Amino acid sequence: MTRSLWDHAVHHGNDLDEARARFNENGPFAFPGGAPPGWATAGRRSPRAEK
């Protein structure tokens, strides 16, 4: 499915920093199929802003 790459990154910690960097540089369209779930309601915050 379209979210597979995001889901893979989220569930494999070794890939998470790479996924975050890719997301921060390119926004949701860095991932096939567009934004991961919840991105539209996140106010365009960086994933790091959640900590």
C-alpha atoms as a PDB file:
ATOM      1  CA  MET A   1       0.000   0.000   0.000  1.00  0.00           C
ATOM      2  CA  THR A   2       0.987   3.624  -0.284  1.00  0.00           C
ATOM      3  CA  ARG A   3       1.965   3.943   3.377  1.00  0.00           C
ATOM      4  CA  SER A   4       4.295   0.955   3.442  1.00  0.00           C
ATOM      5  CA  LEU A   5       7.487   2.998   3.307  1.00  0.00           C
ATOM      6  CA  TRP A   6       6.393   5.299   6.128  1.00  0.00           C
ATOM      7  CA  ASP A   7       5.138   2.373   8.212  1.00  0.00           C
ATOM      8  CA  HIS A   8       8.411   0.536   7.682  1.00  0.00           C
ATOM      9  CA  ALA A   9      10.411   3.553   8.816  1.00  0.00           C
ATOM     10  CA  VAL A  10       8.228   4.131  11.866  1.00  0.00           C
ATOM     11  CA  HIS A  11       8.481   0.512  13.000  1.00  0.00           C
ATOM     12  CA  HIS A  12      12.217   0.151  12.472  1.00  0.00           C
ATOM     13  CA  GLY A  13      14.131   2.514  14.732  1.00  0.00           C
ATOM     14  CA  ASN A  14      17.319   2.342  12.690  1.00  0.00           C
ATOM     15  CA  ASP A  15      15.466   3.912   9.767  1.00  0.00           C
ATOM     16  CA  LEU A  16      13.592   6.555  11.736  1.00  0.00           C
ATOM     17  CA  ASP A  17      16.231   9.275  11.620  1.00  0.00           C
ATOM     18  CA  GLU A  18      16.589   8.817   7.875  1.00  0.00           C
ATOM     19  CA  ALA A  19      12.824   8.960   7.447  1.00  0.00           C
ATOM     20  CA  ARG A  20      12.603  12.116   9.561  1.00  0.00           C
ATOM     21  CA  ALA A  21      15.351  13.801   7.573  1.00  0.00           C
ATOM     22  CA  ARG A  22      13.634  12.887   4.326  1.00  0.00           C
ATOM     23  CA  PHE A  23      10.293  14.135   5.661  1.00  0.00           C
ATOM     24  CA  ASN A  24      11.760  17.395   6.968  1.00  0.00           C
ATOM     25  CA  GLU A  25      13.478  18.124   3.657  1.00  0.00           C
ATOM     26  CA  ASN A  26      10.641  17.202   1.325  1.00  0.00           C
ATOM     27  CA  GLY A  27       7.427  17.233   3.328  1.00  0.00           C
ATOM     28  CA  PRO A  28       4.814  14.491   3.033  1.00  0.00           C
ATOM     29  CA  PHE A  29       5.372  14.069  -0.686  1.00  0.00           C
ATOM     30  CA  ALA A  30       8.761  12.497   0.059  1.00  0.00           C
ATOM     31  CA  PHE A  31       6.767   9.310   0.606  1.00  0.00           C
ATOM     32  CA  PRO A  32       4.874   7.403  -2.081  1.00  0.00           C
ATOM     33  CA  GLY A  33       1.164   8.157  -1.906  1.00  0.00           C
ATOM     34  CA  GLY A  34       1.616  11.443  -0.078  1.00  0.00           C
ATOM     35  CA  ALA A  35       1.335  12.171   3.626  1.00  0.00           C
ATOM     36  CA  PRO A  36       1.234   9.568   6.365  1.00  0.00           C
ATOM     37  CA  PRO A  37      -1.974   9.508   8.429  1.00  0.00           C
ATOM     38  CA  GLY A  38      -2.396  12.503  10.708  1.00  0.00           C
ATOM     39  CA  TRP A  39       0.016  14.746   8.833  1.00  0.00           C
ATOM     40  CA  ALA A  40      -2.712  17.086   7.629  1.00  0.00           C
ATOM     41  CA  THR A  41      -3.878  17.665  11.212  1.00  0.00           C
ATOM     42  CA  ALA A  42      -0.370  18.089  12.614  1.00  0.00           C
ATOM     43  CA  GLY A  43      -0.180  21.749  11.656  1.00  0.00           C
ATOM     44  CA  ARG A  44       2.857  21.064   9.465  1.00  0.00           C
ATOM     45  CA  ARG A  45       5.007  20.481  12.556  1.00  0.00           C
ATOM     46  CA  SER A  46       8.278  18.619  12.279  1.00  0.00           C
ATOM     47  CA  PRO A  47       8.161  15.110  13.751  1.00  0.00           C
ATOM     48  CA  ARG A  48      10.853  16.297  16.176  1.00  0.00           C
ATOM     49  CA  ALA A  49       8.463  18.941  17.522  1.00  0.00           C
ATOM     50  CA  GLU A  50       6.380  16.163  19.083  1.00  0.00           C
ATOM     51  CA  LYS A  51       9.054  15.308  21.670  1.00  0.00           C
END
